[in-house]
Amino acid sequence: MNQEGLTAMTAVADSAVQQGWNLVGARSYVLTLLAAGPQSGETLTDACKAAGFIPHDDRAFGQVYYGLKKAGLIRVIGQGERSKGHGTTGLNIWALA
């Protein structure tokens, strides 16, 4: 990820946290979900939101996956088409590392 993208992702997540979003809780919940097996980022994000981890902007979830990946806790094991992107590519399939 380039610096501009990282800066933007961090700003969105920081804003969400300032508004009460539980970033640490969302990361923990993603790890719990992935213990059941690999899942797409879209599926994980939807599950987090259903569990009450709702940021003001879904782009804040980028910091969930980025932080877990950087910590060596999760990894991308595949790619697919995004259901929310009208079939565009870029969907990551995540698994525990």
N, C-alpha and C. Protein backbone atom coordinates (compact mmCIF):
# COMPACT_ATOMS: atom_id res chain seq x y z
N MET A 1 0.85 -1.17 0.00
CA MET A 1 0.00 0.00 0.00
C MET A 1 0.90 1.24 0.00
N ASN A 2 0.52 2.21 -0.81
CA ASN A 2 1.33 3.43 -0.86
C ASN A 2 1.02 4.32 0.35
N GLN A 3 1.89 5.29 0.59
CA GLN A 3 1.75 6.15 1.77
C GLN A 3 0.46 6.94 1.76
N GLU A 4 0.05 7.41 0.59
CA GLU A 4 -1.19 8.17 0.50
C GLU A 4 -2.39 7.33 0.92
N GLY A 5 -2.43 6.08 0.46
CA GLY A 5 -3.52 5.18 0.82
C GLY A 5 -3.51 4.86 2.31
N LEU A 6 -2.33 4.61 2.86
CA LEU A 6 -2.20 4.32 4.28
C LEU A 6 -2.65 5.51 5.13
N THR A 7 -2.27 6.70 4.71
CA THR A 7 -2.67 7.91 5.44
C THR A 7 -4.18 8.07 5.43
N ALA A 8 -4.80 7.87 4.28
CA ALA A 8 -6.26 8.01 4.16
C ALA A 8 -6.97 6.95 5.00
N MET A 9 -6.49 5.70 4.94
CA MET A 9 -7.10 4.61 5.69
C MET A 9 -7.01 4.89 7.19
N THR A 10 -5.87 5.36 7.62
CA THR A 10 -5.67 5.66 9.04
C THR A 10 -6.57 6.80 9.49
N ALA A 11 -6.72 7.81 8.65
CA ALA A 11 -7.58 8.96 9.00
C ALA A 11 -9.03 8.53 9.16
N VAL A 12 -9.52 7.68 8.27
CA VAL A 12 -10.90 7.21 8.37
C VAL A 12 -11.09 6.39 9.64
N ALA A 13 -10.16 5.49 9.93
CA ALA A 13 -10.26 4.66 11.13
C ALA A 13 -10.15 5.50 12.40
N ASP A 14 -9.23 6.47 12.41
CA ASP A 14 -9.08 7.34 13.57
C ASP A 14 -10.37 8.12 13.84
N SER A 15 -10.98 8.61 12.78
CA SER A 15 -12.23 9.33 12.92
C SER A 15 -13.33 8.43 13.49
N ALA A 16 -13.38 7.20 13.00
CA ALA A 16 -14.38 6.24 13.50
C ALA A 16 -14.17 5.95 14.98
N VAL A 17 -12.92 5.78 15.37
CA VAL A 17 -12.60 5.53 16.78
C VAL A 17 -13.01 6.73 17.63
N GLN A 18 -12.73 7.92 17.15
CA GLN A 18 -13.10 9.14 17.89
C GLN A 18 -14.62 9.24 18.07
N GLN A 19 -15.35 8.62 17.14
CA GLN A 19 -16.81 8.64 17.21
C GLN A 19 -17.37 7.43 17.97
N GLY A 20 -16.46 6.64 18.57
CA GLY A 20 -16.91 5.54 19.42
C GLY A 20 -16.78 4.14 18.85
N TRP A 21 -16.24 4.03 17.64
CA TRP A 21 -16.08 2.70 17.03
C TRP A 21 -14.98 1.93 17.75
N ASN A 22 -15.23 0.65 18.01
CA ASN A 22 -14.30 -0.21 18.74
C ASN A 22 -13.41 -0.97 17.75
N LEU A 23 -12.32 -0.37 17.33
CA LEU A 23 -11.38 -0.99 16.39
C LEU A 23 -10.78 -2.26 16.97
N VAL A 24 -10.36 -2.21 18.21
CA VAL A 24 -9.75 -3.39 18.85
C VAL A 24 -10.76 -4.53 18.92
N GLY A 25 -11.99 -4.21 19.26
CA GLY A 25 -13.04 -5.23 19.32
C GLY A 25 -13.32 -5.83 17.95
N ALA A 26 -13.33 -4.99 16.91
CA ALA A 26 -13.56 -5.48 15.55
C ALA A 26 -12.44 -6.42 15.12
N ARG A 27 -11.20 -6.07 15.45
CA ARG A 27 -10.08 -6.96 15.12
C ARG A 27 -10.21 -8.30 15.84
N SER A 28 -10.56 -8.26 17.10
CA SER A 28 -10.72 -9.49 17.87
C SER A 28 -11.84 -10.35 17.29
N TYR A 29 -12.93 -9.70 16.90
CA TYR A 29 -14.06 -10.44 16.33
C TYR A 29 -13.69 -11.08 15.00
N VAL A 30 -12.92 -10.38 14.18
CA VAL A 30 -12.47 -10.96 12.91
C VAL A 30 -11.65 -12.23 13.17
N LEU A 31 -10.77 -12.19 14.16
CA LEU A 31 -9.98 -13.38 14.49
C LEU A 31 -10.87 -14.52 14.93
N THR A 32 -11.90 -14.22 15.70
CA THR A 32 -12.85 -15.25 16.13
C THR A 32 -13.55 -15.86 14.92
N LEU A 33 -13.99 -15.01 14.01
CA LEU A 33 -14.68 -15.50 12.81
C LEU A 33 -13.76 -16.36 11.94
N LEU A 34 -12.51 -15.94 11.80
CA LEU A 34 -11.57 -16.68 10.96
C LEU A 34 -11.15 -18.00 11.59
N ALA A 35 -11.36 -18.17 12.88
CA ALA A 35 -11.06 -19.46 13.51
C ALA A 35 -11.95 -20.57 12.94
N ALA A 36 -13.10 -20.18 12.37
CA ALA A 36 -14.00 -21.15 11.73
C ALA A 36 -13.58 -21.48 10.31
N GLY A 37 -12.65 -20.72 9.75
CA GLY A 37 -12.17 -20.97 8.40
C GLY A 37 -12.09 -19.69 7.60
N PRO A 38 -11.43 -19.75 6.43
CA PRO A 38 -11.24 -18.57 5.58
C PRO A 38 -12.58 -17.94 5.17
N GLN A 39 -12.55 -16.62 5.05
CA GLN A 39 -13.74 -15.87 4.65
C GLN A 39 -13.33 -14.63 3.89
N SER A 40 -14.24 -14.11 3.12
CA SER A 40 -13.95 -12.89 2.37
C SER A 40 -14.02 -11.68 3.29
N GLY A 41 -13.34 -10.63 2.88
CA GLY A 41 -13.39 -9.39 3.62
C GLY A 41 -14.80 -8.84 3.70
N GLU A 42 -15.57 -8.97 2.63
CA GLU A 42 -16.95 -8.49 2.65
C GLU A 42 -17.78 -9.25 3.67
N THR A 43 -17.62 -10.57 3.72
CA THR A 43 -18.36 -11.38 4.68
C THR A 43 -17.98 -11.01 6.11
N LEU A 44 -16.69 -10.85 6.34
CA LEU A 44 -16.21 -10.48 7.67
C LEU A 44 -16.72 -9.11 8.09
N THR A 45 -16.67 -8.16 7.18
CA THR A 45 -17.16 -6.81 7.47
C THR A 45 -18.64 -6.83 7.80
N ASP A 46 -19.43 -7.54 7.01
CA ASP A 46 -20.87 -7.63 7.27
C ASP A 46 -21.15 -8.28 8.63
N ALA A 47 -20.37 -9.31 8.97
CA ALA A 47 -20.55 -9.99 10.26
C ALA A 47 -20.19 -9.06 11.41
N CYS A 48 -19.13 -8.30 11.25
CA CYS A 48 -18.75 -7.33 12.29
C CYS A 48 -19.85 -6.31 12.50
N LYS A 49 -20.39 -5.79 11.42
CA LYS A 49 -21.45 -4.80 11.54
C LYS A 49 -22.69 -5.40 12.19
N ALA A 50 -23.02 -6.65 11.85
CA ALA A 50 -24.17 -7.31 12.46
C ALA A 50 -23.96 -7.52 13.96
N ALA A 51 -22.70 -7.63 14.37
CA ALA A 51 -22.36 -7.81 15.79
C ALA A 51 -22.24 -6.48 16.53
N GLY A 52 -22.45 -5.37 15.82
CA GLY A 52 -22.43 -4.07 16.48
C GLY A 52 -21.17 -3.24 16.28
N PHE A 53 -20.23 -3.74 15.51
CA PHE A 53 -19.00 -2.98 15.22
C PHE A 53 -19.25 -2.15 13.96
N ILE A 54 -19.90 -1.02 14.13
CA ILE A 54 -20.36 -0.22 12.99
C ILE A 54 -19.67 1.14 12.99
N PRO A 55 -18.70 1.33 12.10
CA PRO A 55 -18.06 2.65 11.98
C PRO A 55 -18.94 3.58 11.16
N HIS A 56 -18.62 4.85 11.19
CA HIS A 56 -19.36 5.83 10.39
C HIS A 56 -19.11 5.65 8.89
N ASP A 57 -18.04 4.93 8.55
CA ASP A 57 -17.64 4.72 7.15
C ASP A 57 -17.02 3.33 7.06
N ASP A 58 -17.55 2.49 6.20
CA ASP A 58 -17.04 1.11 6.08
C ASP A 58 -15.56 1.05 5.71
N ARG A 59 -15.03 2.11 5.14
CA ARG A 59 -13.61 2.11 4.79
C ARG A 59 -12.72 1.99 6.03
N ALA A 60 -13.28 2.26 7.20
CA ALA A 60 -12.52 2.10 8.44
C ALA A 60 -12.10 0.65 8.65
N PHE A 61 -12.82 -0.29 8.06
CA PHE A 61 -12.46 -1.70 8.20
C PHE A 61 -11.12 -2.02 7.56
N GLY A 62 -10.65 -1.18 6.66
CA GLY A 62 -9.33 -1.40 6.08
C GLY A 62 -8.27 -1.47 7.16
N GLN A 63 -8.42 -0.67 8.20
CA GLN A 63 -7.46 -0.67 9.30
C GLN A 63 -7.56 -1.95 10.13
N VAL A 64 -8.73 -2.58 10.15
CA VAL A 64 -8.88 -3.87 10.83
C VAL A 64 -7.98 -4.90 10.16
N TYR A 65 -8.15 -5.06 8.86
CA TYR A 65 -7.40 -6.08 8.12
C TYR A 65 -5.91 -5.73 8.01
N TYR A 66 -5.63 -4.45 7.77
CA TYR A 66 -4.24 -4.02 7.66
C TYR A 66 -3.48 -4.29 8.97
N GLY A 67 -4.08 -3.92 10.08
CA GLY A 67 -3.43 -4.12 11.37
C GLY A 67 -3.20 -5.59 11.70
N LEU A 68 -4.20 -6.42 11.42
CA LEU A 68 -4.06 -7.86 11.70
C LEU A 68 -3.02 -8.50 10.78
N LYS A 69 -3.01 -8.06 9.52
CA LYS A 69 -2.02 -8.60 8.58
C LYS A 69 -0.61 -8.15 8.98
N LYS A 70 -0.46 -6.89 9.31
CA LYS A 70 0.84 -6.35 9.70
C LYS A 70 1.38 -7.06 10.96
N ALA A 71 0.48 -7.44 11.85
CA ALA A 71 0.86 -8.15 13.07
C ALA A 71 1.14 -9.63 12.82
N GLY A 72 0.92 -10.09 11.59
CA GLY A 72 1.17 -11.49 11.25
C GLY A 72 0.09 -12.44 11.72
N LEU A 73 -1.10 -11.92 12.00
CA LEU A 73 -2.17 -12.76 12.52
C LEU A 73 -3.09 -13.31 11.43
N ILE A 74 -3.19 -12.60 10.31
CA ILE A 74 -4.01 -13.06 9.20
C ILE A 74 -3.21 -12.90 7.90
N ARG A 75 -3.70 -13.60 6.86
CA ARG A 75 -3.05 -13.50 5.56
C ARG A 75 -4.09 -13.68 4.46
N VAL A 76 -3.80 -13.15 3.30
CA VAL A 76 -4.66 -13.33 2.14
C VAL A 76 -4.32 -14.67 1.51
N ILE A 77 -5.35 -15.48 1.28
CA ILE A 77 -5.12 -16.79 0.65
C ILE A 77 -5.77 -16.89 -0.73
N GLY A 78 -6.47 -15.85 -1.13
CA GLY A 78 -7.10 -15.87 -2.44
C GLY A 78 -7.76 -14.56 -2.77
N GLN A 79 -8.24 -14.47 -3.98
CA GLN A 79 -8.91 -13.28 -4.50
C GLN A 79 -10.23 -13.70 -5.12
N GLY A 80 -11.11 -12.76 -5.28
CA GLY A 80 -12.38 -13.05 -5.92
C GLY A 80 -13.06 -11.79 -6.40
N GLU A 81 -14.30 -11.96 -6.83
CA GLU A 81 -15.10 -10.83 -7.29
C GLU A 81 -15.91 -10.30 -6.13
N ARG A 82 -16.00 -8.98 -6.06
CA ARG A 82 -16.73 -8.33 -4.98
C ARG A 82 -18.22 -8.29 -5.29
N SER A 83 -19.02 -8.69 -4.33
CA SER A 83 -20.47 -8.59 -4.51
C SER A 83 -20.92 -7.13 -4.38
N LYS A 84 -20.23 -6.35 -3.56
CA LYS A 84 -20.59 -4.95 -3.37
C LYS A 84 -19.96 -4.06 -4.43
N GLY A 85 -19.05 -4.59 -5.21
CA GLY A 85 -18.41 -3.82 -6.27
C GLY A 85 -18.93 -4.20 -7.63
N HIS A 86 -20.14 -4.75 -7.65
CA HIS A 86 -20.78 -5.14 -8.91
C HIS A 86 -19.91 -6.10 -9.72
N GLY A 87 -19.30 -7.05 -9.02
CA GLY A 87 -18.51 -8.07 -9.71
C GLY A 87 -17.10 -7.66 -10.04
N THR A 88 -16.65 -6.51 -9.55
CA THR A 88 -15.27 -6.11 -9.81
C THR A 88 -14.32 -6.98 -9.01
N THR A 89 -13.09 -7.04 -9.45
CA THR A 89 -12.10 -7.82 -8.73
C THR A 89 -11.59 -7.04 -7.53
N GLY A 90 -10.83 -7.68 -6.71
CA GLY A 90 -10.25 -7.00 -5.56
C GLY A 90 -10.72 -7.55 -4.23
N LEU A 91 -11.56 -8.57 -4.25
CA LEU A 91 -12.03 -9.18 -3.02
C LEU A 91 -10.92 -10.07 -2.45
N ASN A 92 -10.56 -9.85 -1.20
CA ASN A 92 -9.57 -10.69 -0.54
C ASN A 92 -10.27 -11.79 0.26
N ILE A 93 -9.70 -12.98 0.20
CA ILE A 93 -10.11 -14.08 1.06
C ILE A 93 -9.06 -14.18 2.14
N TRP A 94 -9.50 -14.04 3.39
CA TRP A 94 -8.59 -14.00 4.53
C TRP A 94 -8.63 -15.32 5.30
N ALA A 95 -7.50 -15.64 5.93
CA ALA A 95 -7.38 -16.80 6.80
C ALA A 95 -6.43 -16.43 7.94
N LEU A 96 -6.52 -17.20 9.01
CA LEU A 96 -5.54 -17.03 10.08
C LEU A 96 -4.17 -17.37 9.54
N ALA A 97 -3.16 -16.68 10.00
CA ALA A 97 -1.78 -16.93 9.54
C ALA A 97 -1.22 -18.18 10.20
